[in-house]
Amino acid sequence: MKQIMWKAMAALCAMMVVASCGRNLYDVDEAQKIYNLTNPVDTIEANHPWLLTASKVLMVTPPEDMTTERILVLTQNPHESGDAEVVGAAFVGSGNQTAVNITYPSTTHTLYVAAVDAEDKYTIVKYDVSSSSSVINFRNAIVVNEPISYVPQPKLYTYCYEDEFYFAGDFDYNDVVLRISQERTGEKEVRYHVQLAAVGTSKQVAAGIRLVGTSFDNVESVKTVDDKSFNVTAKGEAFPEQMMIVQKQTDNLLKAMTGDAVINLFVDAHWATGDAMSTDYGIMQRKKYNVTKGTDETHQMMVPREIVYIVTFKDVASANGISMGQIDPFIYTEFNGAILETHTYTYRTVQALNSYPPSEIKSLPWAFAIPYGAFRWPIDGSTIGFYIKGSNFGAYKEPGHSFGEWSMDHTKALDWYLYPTENQVF
C-alpha cells in the first residue's frame, strides 16, 4: 500500500464527507495545500495540458480512378517501411468526401494518407501535419494502386495510473497499466485490443473505456473475441459477486451518466491478471504484478492478458467518428464510501459511472496516455522523473529528453517516454 503522510490523509478524510444521503463535500483549496506537501516537483508549467498527442479531422476525397473501400492514415509510407502504424481509419461511402478522425504523437511531422480498395491496393499521399489545410486529395500521390507486403497495425498506447485520487500518490504511475489499440475491422465495427500490463496497487480497482461523444444508443453491441472476460480466469473462475465493491456489473456495455457508451473492462484488476487467487472468507491476497524485476511473497511477474472487445455501431458515421483521441480509459476505486474515478488530464472532471466531487488541483495528473506501445513504466520505488532545483532525477531523466523538462514546458522533451533509465523501469 502507498506510504502517504498520515496527517494529509486525516485532513483529507475530514474534508471529504460522504453522507448517508450521498452528498459529497470537498474543499479543493485545502486539498491543493495537502497535495503540495507531497508533490516532489517544485516547478510545473501553469495550465499544462499533459498531452503527448494531437488530433485532427481530415476531409478526404478518394481518387476518381479507383473504387476506394477504406481510408487509412499512417505514420510511415508502408510501401517503403515495415513500421507503418494506423492512426486513423474510415470506410468510404459512395465515393464522397469522408471525414477521418486522427490522433497521432505530438512528435510526428508527416503522415501518409492511403486510399485502399477491396483488393488491398494502396494509393498514398504525403501529409504535413503542420499544414493549415485538412483537405486531402490524391493528385500528388507518391504510390498509385500498389499492394504492400504487410497489414499495418493500429497505434498502440500505454495508459498509466496512480490509484490515490484525491491524494498525491508516489508518482510511479504503475498502479494500473493498460495497453490499448483501436482497430477498424468493418463498416460498423471497431475492435479494442486491451492488455492488462501491470498492477501495482493493493486496492480493488475497476476499469472502463468511455467512448467520448458516442451515445450509448448508437452502439448495437459490445462482445469479446472467444467470449473472454477479465472477470473470468483462464480456468473459468468468475469473480465472486459478494466481493464486487467498486463495480457490481459485468455487462460489456454500460451507459455513462454523460450518456456515452462505456466498455466495462474489469471489476477487479488483481483478478483480471488471471493469477490463481485465494478468496477465503471474502479476503483476497493482493500481490503486485510486473512492477519489480523478481518474484516474492508480495510481488510477481506475469504474462499480460489481452482481451479484444468488438464494438458494433448502429451506423457507419459513428464508427468513423472514433479515434484514440475520442476514448477515455479510466480506473475507479472506493474511498470513504465513495467511488472515485481516475481519468487522464483531458477528462479529469468527467464523472462517467460514479458521482463524486471532481478535483481542480493543478499539479501532476493521476494518469497519462502515452502514444508508445513499448513504454516502460517505473518499478516500485522509482518516480517517473522530476526536475528539482536544477537537477533531473527518476526513471525518465535524460537531459534534453526528461519528464521533468516536459513538466515545466509542454512544448519541450515531447519524446521523454523513449528515454528510460534502465535500472528504474520494468
Protein backbone atom coordinates (compact mmCIF):
# COMPACT_ATOMS: atom_id res chain seq x y z
CA MET A 1 0.00 0.00 0.00
CA LYS A 2 1.18 3.55 -0.68
CA GLN A 3 3.08 5.32 2.06
CA ILE A 4 1.18 8.60 2.47
CA MET A 5 1.64 11.16 5.21
CA TRP A 6 -0.90 10.28 7.88
CA LYS A 7 -1.60 13.95 8.57
CA ALA A 8 -2.52 14.50 4.94
CA MET A 9 -4.82 11.50 4.96
CA ALA A 10 -6.53 12.59 8.16
CA ALA A 11 -7.01 16.10 6.84
CA LEU A 12 -8.48 14.96 3.54
CA CYS A 13 -10.78 12.47 5.26
CA ALA A 14 -12.09 15.42 7.24
CA MET A 15 -12.55 17.49 4.08
CA MET A 16 -14.42 14.84 2.15
CA VAL A 17 -17.57 13.54 3.82
CA VAL A 18 -19.86 11.07 2.13
CA ALA A 19 -23.15 11.43 3.99
CA SER A 20 -25.89 8.84 4.09
CA CYS A 21 -27.85 10.91 1.59
CA GLY A 22 -24.95 10.54 -0.89
CA ARG A 23 -23.97 14.22 -0.93
CA ASN A 24 -20.21 14.80 -1.29
CA LEU A 25 -18.44 17.72 0.37
CA TYR A 26 -14.90 18.52 -0.71
CA ASP A 27 -12.66 21.51 -0.05
CA VAL A 28 -10.48 21.95 -3.15
CA ASP A 29 -8.30 24.71 -1.70
CA GLU A 30 -7.35 22.66 1.34
CA ALA A 31 -6.73 19.63 -0.87
CA GLN A 32 -4.34 21.67 -3.00
CA LYS A 33 -2.31 22.59 0.08
CA ILE A 34 -2.10 18.96 1.14
CA TYR A 35 -1.22 17.82 -2.37
CA ASN A 36 1.62 20.33 -2.48
CA LEU A 37 3.09 18.84 0.71
CA THR A 38 3.74 15.54 -1.04
CA ASN A 39 4.33 16.78 -4.59
CA PRO A 40 8.05 16.31 -5.40
CA VAL A 41 8.04 18.80 -8.30
CA ASP A 42 8.97 22.38 -7.46
CA THR A 43 8.16 23.89 -10.87
CA ILE A 44 5.27 22.94 -13.16
CA GLU A 45 4.03 24.92 -16.14
CA ALA A 46 0.78 26.66 -15.32
CA ASN A 47 -2.12 25.24 -17.35
CA HIS A 48 -0.03 22.35 -18.65
CA PRO A 49 -2.29 20.22 -20.91
CA TRP A 50 -0.42 16.97 -20.12
CA LEU A 51 -0.96 15.77 -23.68
CA LEU A 52 1.52 13.82 -25.81
CA THR A 53 -0.76 13.67 -28.84
CA ALA A 54 -2.52 15.92 -31.32
CA SER A 55 -5.85 15.34 -33.06
CA LYS A 56 -7.39 16.49 -36.31
CA VAL A 57 -10.28 15.73 -38.62
CA LEU A 58 -9.15 15.21 -42.22
CA MET A 59 -11.62 15.64 -45.07
CA VAL A 60 -10.50 13.06 -47.63
CA THR A 61 -11.72 12.84 -51.22
CA PRO A 62 -10.92 9.39 -52.69
CA PRO A 63 -9.16 9.10 -56.07
CA GLU A 64 -11.54 9.26 -59.00
CA ASP A 65 -9.92 6.35 -60.83
CA MET A 66 -10.26 3.71 -58.11
CA THR A 67 -13.07 2.19 -56.07
CA THR A 68 -11.94 3.09 -52.58
CA GLU A 69 -13.19 0.95 -49.70
CA ARG A 70 -11.24 2.46 -46.80
CA ILE A 71 -9.11 5.43 -45.87
CA LEU A 72 -6.12 4.75 -43.61
CA VAL A 73 -3.87 7.38 -42.07
CA LEU A 74 -0.40 6.00 -41.34
CA THR A 75 2.76 7.05 -39.52
CA GLN A 76 5.05 5.79 -42.31
CA ASN A 77 4.85 5.07 -46.01
CA PRO A 78 4.03 1.32 -45.95
CA HIS A 79 5.47 0.93 -49.43
CA GLU A 80 8.90 1.86 -48.05
CA SER A 81 8.76 0.96 -44.35
CA GLY A 82 7.58 -2.07 -42.42
CA ASP A 83 6.80 0.04 -39.36
CA ALA A 84 3.74 1.96 -40.52
CA GLU A 85 1.05 2.25 -37.83
CA VAL A 86 -2.58 3.26 -38.29
CA VAL A 87 -3.63 6.47 -36.50
CA GLY A 88 -6.97 6.92 -38.26
CA ALA A 89 -9.36 4.85 -40.36
CA ALA A 90 -12.72 5.28 -42.05
CA PHE A 91 -14.89 3.43 -44.52
CA VAL A 92 -15.87 5.36 -47.62
CA GLY A 93 -19.46 5.70 -48.72
CA SER A 94 -20.44 6.11 -52.40
CA GLY A 95 -17.23 7.92 -53.39
CA ASN A 96 -17.98 11.03 -51.37
CA GLN A 97 -15.64 13.11 -49.26
CA THR A 98 -15.05 11.29 -45.99
CA ALA A 99 -14.22 12.71 -42.56
CA VAL A 100 -11.40 10.82 -40.84
CA ASN A 101 -10.63 11.49 -37.17
CA ILE A 102 -6.94 11.06 -36.44
CA THR A 103 -4.83 11.15 -33.27
CA TYR A 104 -1.04 10.97 -33.51
CA PRO A 105 2.06 11.58 -31.34
CA SER A 106 2.99 15.24 -30.90
CA THR A 107 6.47 14.42 -32.21
CA THR A 108 5.01 13.48 -35.61
CA HIS A 109 5.69 15.80 -38.54
CA THR A 110 4.49 13.73 -41.51
CA LEU A 111 1.62 11.32 -42.01
CA TYR A 112 0.62 9.22 -45.00
CA VAL A 113 -3.00 9.05 -46.15
CA ALA A 114 -3.89 5.89 -48.05
CA ALA A 115 -6.92 5.07 -50.16
CA VAL A 116 -7.36 1.29 -50.08
CA ASP A 117 -9.56 -0.75 -52.40
CA ALA A 118 -11.21 -4.14 -51.86
CA GLU A 119 -8.09 -5.90 -53.19
CA ASP A 120 -5.88 -4.14 -50.61
CA LYS A 121 -4.15 -1.95 -53.19
CA TYR A 122 -2.93 1.38 -51.86
CA THR A 123 -2.82 4.86 -53.31
CA ILE A 124 -0.88 7.11 -50.93
CA VAL A 125 -0.35 10.82 -50.48
CA LYS A 126 2.01 12.54 -48.04
CA TYR A 127 0.55 14.95 -45.47
CA ASP A 128 2.39 17.56 -43.39
CA VAL A 129 0.61 17.80 -40.00
CA SER A 130 1.61 21.47 -39.66
CA SER A 131 -0.47 22.30 -42.73
CA SER A 132 -3.33 24.72 -42.15
CA SER A 133 -5.44 22.66 -44.54
CA SER A 134 -7.16 19.45 -43.53
CA VAL A 135 -8.49 18.73 -47.03
CA ILE A 136 -6.87 15.72 -48.69
CA ASN A 137 -6.97 14.62 -52.32
CA PHE A 138 -4.67 12.28 -54.23
CA ARG A 139 -3.46 14.50 -57.06
CA ASN A 140 0.13 14.27 -55.82
CA ALA A 141 0.11 10.60 -54.88
CA ILE A 142 3.50 9.05 -54.17
CA VAL A 143 2.14 5.48 -54.51
CA VAL A 144 -0.58 4.61 -57.03
CA ASN A 145 -2.70 1.46 -56.83
CA GLU A 146 0.05 -0.78 -55.40
CA PRO A 147 -0.16 -3.72 -52.96
CA ILE A 148 2.01 -3.71 -49.83
CA SER A 149 3.72 -6.65 -48.17
CA TYR A 150 2.05 -6.48 -44.76
CA VAL A 151 -1.02 -5.20 -42.93
CA PRO A 152 -0.26 -2.02 -40.93
CA GLN A 153 -1.30 -2.41 -37.30
CA PRO A 154 -3.08 0.20 -35.19
CA LYS A 155 -1.04 2.54 -33.00
CA LEU A 156 -0.67 1.03 -29.52
CA TYR A 157 -0.98 3.29 -26.47
CA THR A 158 0.08 2.78 -22.86
CA TYR A 159 -2.15 4.18 -20.11
CA CYS A 160 -0.55 4.57 -16.68
CA TYR A 161 -2.45 5.34 -13.48
CA GLU A 162 -1.96 6.41 -9.89
CA ASP A 163 -4.65 4.98 -7.60
CA GLU A 164 -4.61 7.62 -4.83
CA PHE A 165 -7.04 10.23 -6.18
CA TYR A 166 -7.62 12.68 -4.32
CA PHE A 167 -4.30 12.11 -2.54
CA ALA A 168 -0.91 12.60 -4.11
CA GLY A 169 0.47 9.18 -4.98
CA ASP A 170 4.08 8.07 -5.20
CA PHE A 171 4.35 9.14 -8.86
CA ASP A 172 5.46 5.79 -10.26
CA TYR A 173 2.32 5.54 -12.42
CA ASN A 174 2.28 1.75 -12.22
CA ASP A 175 -0.77 1.12 -10.04
CA VAL A 176 -2.61 0.03 -13.17
CA VAL A 177 -1.01 -0.08 -16.62
CA LEU A 178 -3.14 -0.78 -19.70
CA ARG A 179 -2.06 -1.10 -23.31
CA ILE A 180 -4.85 -0.26 -25.76
CA SER A 181 -5.16 -0.04 -29.53
CA GLN A 182 -8.12 0.65 -31.79
CA GLU A 183 -8.60 -1.41 -34.95
CA ARG A 184 -11.20 -0.74 -37.63
CA THR A 185 -12.45 -4.13 -38.78
CA GLY A 186 -15.74 -3.40 -40.51
CA GLU A 187 -18.03 -0.66 -41.77
CA LYS A 188 -19.78 -0.56 -38.38
CA GLU A 189 -17.18 -2.43 -36.33
CA VAL A 190 -14.24 -1.26 -34.22
CA ARG A 191 -12.10 -3.56 -32.10
CA TYR A 192 -10.26 -2.51 -28.96
CA HIS A 193 -7.27 -4.64 -28.03
CA VAL A 194 -6.86 -4.25 -24.26
CA GLN A 195 -3.89 -5.66 -22.39
CA LEU A 196 -3.53 -5.51 -18.61
CA ALA A 197 0.22 -4.96 -18.41
CA ALA A 198 0.82 -4.24 -14.72
CA VAL A 199 -0.98 -3.98 -11.39
CA GLY A 200 0.97 -2.11 -8.72
CA THR A 201 -1.93 -1.31 -6.42
CA SER A 202 -3.11 -3.11 -3.30
CA LYS A 203 -6.70 -1.92 -3.74
CA GLN A 204 -9.66 -3.29 -5.60
CA VAL A 205 -9.64 -1.34 -8.86
CA ALA A 206 -12.16 -1.49 -11.70
CA ALA A 207 -11.75 -0.05 -15.19
CA GLY A 208 -13.70 1.00 -18.26
CA ILE A 209 -13.33 2.85 -21.56
CA ARG A 210 -15.75 5.69 -22.24
CA LEU A 211 -16.33 6.30 -25.95
CA VAL A 212 -16.32 10.08 -25.88
CA GLY A 213 -19.21 11.59 -27.81
CA THR A 214 -20.60 8.19 -28.78
CA SER A 215 -24.11 7.82 -27.44
CA PHE A 216 -24.97 4.58 -25.67
CA ASP A 217 -27.96 4.41 -28.04
CA ASN A 218 -25.66 4.40 -31.09
CA VAL A 219 -23.92 1.17 -30.05
CA GLU A 220 -25.51 -2.08 -31.17
CA SER A 221 -23.39 -4.37 -29.00
CA VAL A 222 -20.05 -4.97 -27.28
CA LYS A 223 -18.72 -8.51 -27.40
CA THR A 224 -15.31 -10.08 -26.95
CA VAL A 225 -13.31 -12.45 -29.13
CA ASP A 226 -13.94 -16.03 -27.95
CA ASP A 227 -16.24 -14.60 -25.22
CA LYS A 228 -13.24 -13.98 -22.99
CA SER A 229 -13.52 -11.77 -19.92
CA PHE A 230 -11.10 -10.17 -17.48
CA ASN A 231 -13.65 -11.12 -14.82
CA VAL A 232 -13.15 -14.83 -15.52
CA THR A 233 -9.83 -16.62 -15.22
CA ALA A 234 -8.44 -18.95 -17.87
CA LYS A 235 -9.71 -21.81 -15.68
CA GLY A 236 -13.25 -20.44 -15.85
CA GLU A 237 -13.38 -18.99 -12.34
CA ALA A 238 -15.67 -15.95 -12.16
CA PHE A 239 -15.00 -13.15 -9.71
CA PRO A 240 -17.16 -13.71 -6.59
CA GLU A 241 -20.23 -11.46 -6.64
CA GLN A 242 -20.06 -10.86 -2.89
CA MET A 243 -16.62 -9.24 -3.35
CA MET A 244 -17.74 -6.75 -6.01
CA ILE A 245 -17.33 -3.49 -4.12
CA VAL A 246 -16.23 -0.97 -6.75
CA GLN A 247 -18.25 -2.28 -9.72
CA LYS A 248 -21.10 -4.76 -9.41
CA GLN A 249 -21.96 -5.09 -13.12
CA THR A 250 -20.19 -7.41 -15.52
CA ASP A 251 -22.02 -6.50 -18.75
CA ASN A 252 -19.61 -5.48 -21.51
CA LEU A 253 -21.59 -2.33 -22.33
CA LEU A 254 -22.63 0.30 -19.77
CA LYS A 255 -24.25 3.73 -20.06
CA ALA A 256 -22.30 6.65 -18.63
CA MET A 257 -24.01 9.45 -16.74
CA THR A 258 -22.93 11.60 -19.69
CA GLY A 259 -25.00 9.36 -21.99
CA ASP A 260 -21.86 7.98 -23.63
CA ALA A 261 -21.20 4.29 -24.16
CA VAL A 262 -18.71 2.67 -21.77
CA ILE A 263 -16.85 -0.60 -22.37
CA ASN A 264 -16.80 -2.36 -18.99
CA LEU A 265 -13.30 -3.90 -18.70
CA PHE A 266 -12.99 -5.48 -15.26
CA VAL A 267 -14.34 -5.30 -11.72
CA ASP A 268 -11.04 -6.17 -10.04
CA ALA A 269 -7.57 -5.61 -11.52
CA HIS A 270 -5.92 -8.37 -9.48
CA TRP A 271 -8.45 -10.98 -10.57
CA ALA A 272 -8.09 -9.71 -14.15
CA THR A 273 -4.41 -10.72 -14.19
CA GLY A 274 -5.57 -14.34 -14.39
CA ASP A 275 -3.45 -15.36 -11.41
CA ALA A 276 -4.78 -18.03 -9.06
CA MET A 277 -6.42 -16.04 -6.25
CA SER A 278 -7.38 -17.17 -2.78
CA THR A 279 -10.69 -15.68 -1.63
CA ASP A 280 -11.07 -17.43 1.71
CA TYR A 281 -13.72 -15.79 3.88
CA GLY A 282 -14.08 -12.98 1.37
CA ILE A 283 -10.45 -11.90 1.73
CA MET A 284 -8.13 -11.86 -1.27
CA GLN A 285 -4.35 -11.81 -1.21
CA ARG A 286 -3.38 -8.92 -3.47
CA LYS A 287 0.09 -9.14 -4.93
CA LYS A 288 1.70 -6.56 -7.21
CA TYR A 289 2.32 -7.64 -10.79
CA ASN A 290 5.07 -6.53 -13.18
CA VAL A 291 6.31 -3.67 -11.02
CA THR A 292 9.53 -5.34 -9.78
CA LYS A 293 12.16 -7.40 -11.53
CA GLY A 294 11.57 -10.51 -9.49
CA THR A 295 9.03 -12.53 -7.56
CA ASP A 296 8.48 -12.76 -3.81
CA GLU A 297 5.55 -13.06 -1.39
CA THR A 298 4.06 -9.73 -2.44
CA HIS A 299 5.37 -9.22 -6.00
CA GLN A 300 5.06 -11.39 -9.08
CA MET A 301 5.98 -11.33 -12.76
CA MET A 302 3.17 -12.24 -15.13
CA VAL A 303 2.43 -12.61 -18.83
CA PRO A 304 -0.12 -9.85 -19.54
CA ARG A 305 -3.61 -10.96 -20.52
CA GLU A 306 -5.26 -9.42 -23.57
CA ILE A 307 -8.96 -9.23 -24.34
CA VAL A 308 -10.29 -7.95 -27.68
CA TYR A 309 -13.58 -6.03 -27.46
CA ILE A 310 -15.74 -5.93 -30.58
CA VAL A 311 -17.87 -2.78 -30.69
CA THR A 312 -20.63 -2.81 -33.29
CA PHE A 313 -22.17 0.59 -34.02
CA LYS A 314 -25.62 1.20 -35.45
CA ASP A 315 -24.26 3.34 -38.29
CA VAL A 316 -21.04 3.90 -40.23
CA ALA A 317 -20.76 7.55 -39.18
CA SER A 318 -20.46 6.62 -35.51
CA ALA A 319 -17.69 4.15 -36.29
CA ASN A 320 -15.93 6.71 -38.50
CA GLY A 321 -16.05 9.30 -35.72
CA ILE A 322 -13.81 7.42 -33.28
CA SER A 323 -10.05 7.81 -32.91
CA MET A 324 -7.77 7.25 -29.92
CA GLY A 325 -8.38 10.88 -29.00
CA GLN A 326 -12.07 10.10 -28.52
CA ILE A 327 -11.66 7.37 -25.94
CA ASP A 328 -11.38 7.84 -22.19
CA PRO A 329 -9.95 4.78 -20.42
CA PHE A 330 -10.33 5.26 -16.67
CA ILE A 331 -9.98 3.35 -13.41
CA TYR A 332 -12.04 3.68 -10.27
CA THR A 333 -11.64 2.81 -6.61
CA GLU A 334 -13.52 3.07 -3.33
CA PHE A 335 -12.63 5.72 -0.76
CA ASN A 336 -14.57 6.63 2.36
CA GLY A 337 -17.79 5.22 0.93
CA ALA A 338 -17.50 6.96 -2.44
CA ILE A 339 -16.35 5.53 -5.76
CA LEU A 340 -13.72 7.82 -7.26
CA GLU A 341 -12.67 7.77 -10.92
CA THR A 342 -9.17 8.42 -12.24
CA HIS A 343 -9.07 9.83 -15.78
CA THR A 344 -6.32 11.31 -17.89
CA TYR A 345 -5.98 15.06 -17.53
CA THR A 346 -8.12 15.88 -20.57
CA TYR A 347 -11.11 14.18 -18.97
CA ARG A 348 -10.23 14.88 -15.34
CA THR A 349 -13.62 16.39 -14.42
CA VAL A 350 -15.73 13.70 -16.09
CA GLN A 351 -17.96 11.57 -13.91
CA ALA A 352 -18.62 8.59 -16.11
CA LEU A 353 -20.25 5.97 -13.90
CA ASN A 354 -19.97 7.45 -10.43
CA SER A 355 -20.96 10.72 -8.78
CA TYR A 356 -18.25 12.40 -6.72
CA PRO A 357 -16.74 15.88 -6.27
CA PRO A 358 -14.17 16.48 -9.04
CA SER A 359 -10.72 17.82 -8.27
CA GLU A 360 -9.46 21.02 -9.87
CA ILE A 361 -5.95 20.59 -8.45
CA LYS A 362 -3.50 21.99 -10.97
CA SER A 363 -0.46 19.85 -10.45
CA LEU A 364 0.67 16.47 -11.72
CA PRO A 365 -2.24 14.42 -13.06
CA TRP A 366 -3.12 10.96 -11.82
CA ALA A 367 -2.92 9.32 -15.27
CA PHE A 368 -1.10 9.59 -18.58
CA ALA A 369 -1.89 8.42 -22.12
CA ILE A 370 1.44 7.61 -23.74
CA PRO A 371 1.46 7.03 -27.53
CA TYR A 372 4.04 4.27 -27.36
CA GLY A 373 3.21 0.59 -27.05
CA ALA A 374 6.62 -0.35 -25.66
CA PHE A 375 6.61 2.24 -22.87
CA ARG A 376 8.46 1.02 -19.78
CA TRP A 377 6.79 2.20 -16.57
CA PRO A 378 8.76 2.86 -13.38
CA ILE A 379 9.29 -0.01 -10.96
CA ASP A 380 8.21 0.28 -7.34
CA GLY A 381 10.42 2.74 -5.53
CA SER A 382 11.12 4.90 -8.60
CA THR A 383 9.30 8.06 -9.63
CA ILE A 384 8.55 8.81 -13.25
CA GLY A 385 11.15 11.59 -13.23
CA PHE A 386 11.30 15.13 -11.95
CA TYR A 387 13.23 18.37 -12.21
CA ILE A 388 14.01 19.95 -8.84
CA LYS A 389 16.44 22.75 -8.10
CA GLY A 390 18.18 22.40 -11.44
CA SER A 391 18.56 18.61 -11.35
CA ASN A 392 16.79 15.79 -13.16
CA PHE A 393 16.11 12.51 -11.41
CA GLY A 394 13.81 9.48 -11.63
CA ALA A 395 13.04 6.92 -14.30
CA TYR A 396 12.95 9.46 -17.15
CA LYS A 397 15.75 11.95 -16.55
CA GLU A 398 17.78 12.03 -19.79
CA PRO A 399 18.94 15.65 -20.33
CA GLY A 400 17.00 17.17 -23.20
CA HIS A 401 14.52 14.29 -23.09
CA SER A 402 13.31 14.22 -19.49
CA PHE A 403 9.90 14.11 -17.92
CA GLY A 404 10.91 16.98 -15.67
CA GLU A 405 11.65 19.28 -18.61
CA TRP A 406 8.29 18.41 -20.17
CA SER A 407 6.52 19.15 -16.88
CA MET A 408 7.96 22.68 -16.91
CA ASP A 409 7.23 23.34 -20.61
CA HIS A 410 4.71 21.28 -22.56
CA THR A 411 6.48 22.10 -25.85
CA LYS A 412 9.80 20.56 -24.78
CA ALA A 413 11.02 16.97 -24.36
CA LEU A 414 7.89 15.59 -26.02
CA ASP A 415 9.74 12.33 -26.60
CA TRP A 416 10.71 11.79 -22.93
CA TYR A 417 8.96 8.40 -22.84
CA LEU A 418 11.58 6.99 -25.25
CA TYR A 419 14.49 7.55 -22.82
CA PRO A 420 14.15 5.32 -19.73
CA THR A 421 16.77 4.87 -17.02
CA GLU A 422 17.41 1.14 -17.30
CA ASN A 423 17.56 0.19 -13.63
CA GLN A 424 14.41 2.15 -12.74
CA VAL A 425 11.88 0.76 -15.22
CA PHE A 426 10.16 -2.56 -15.72
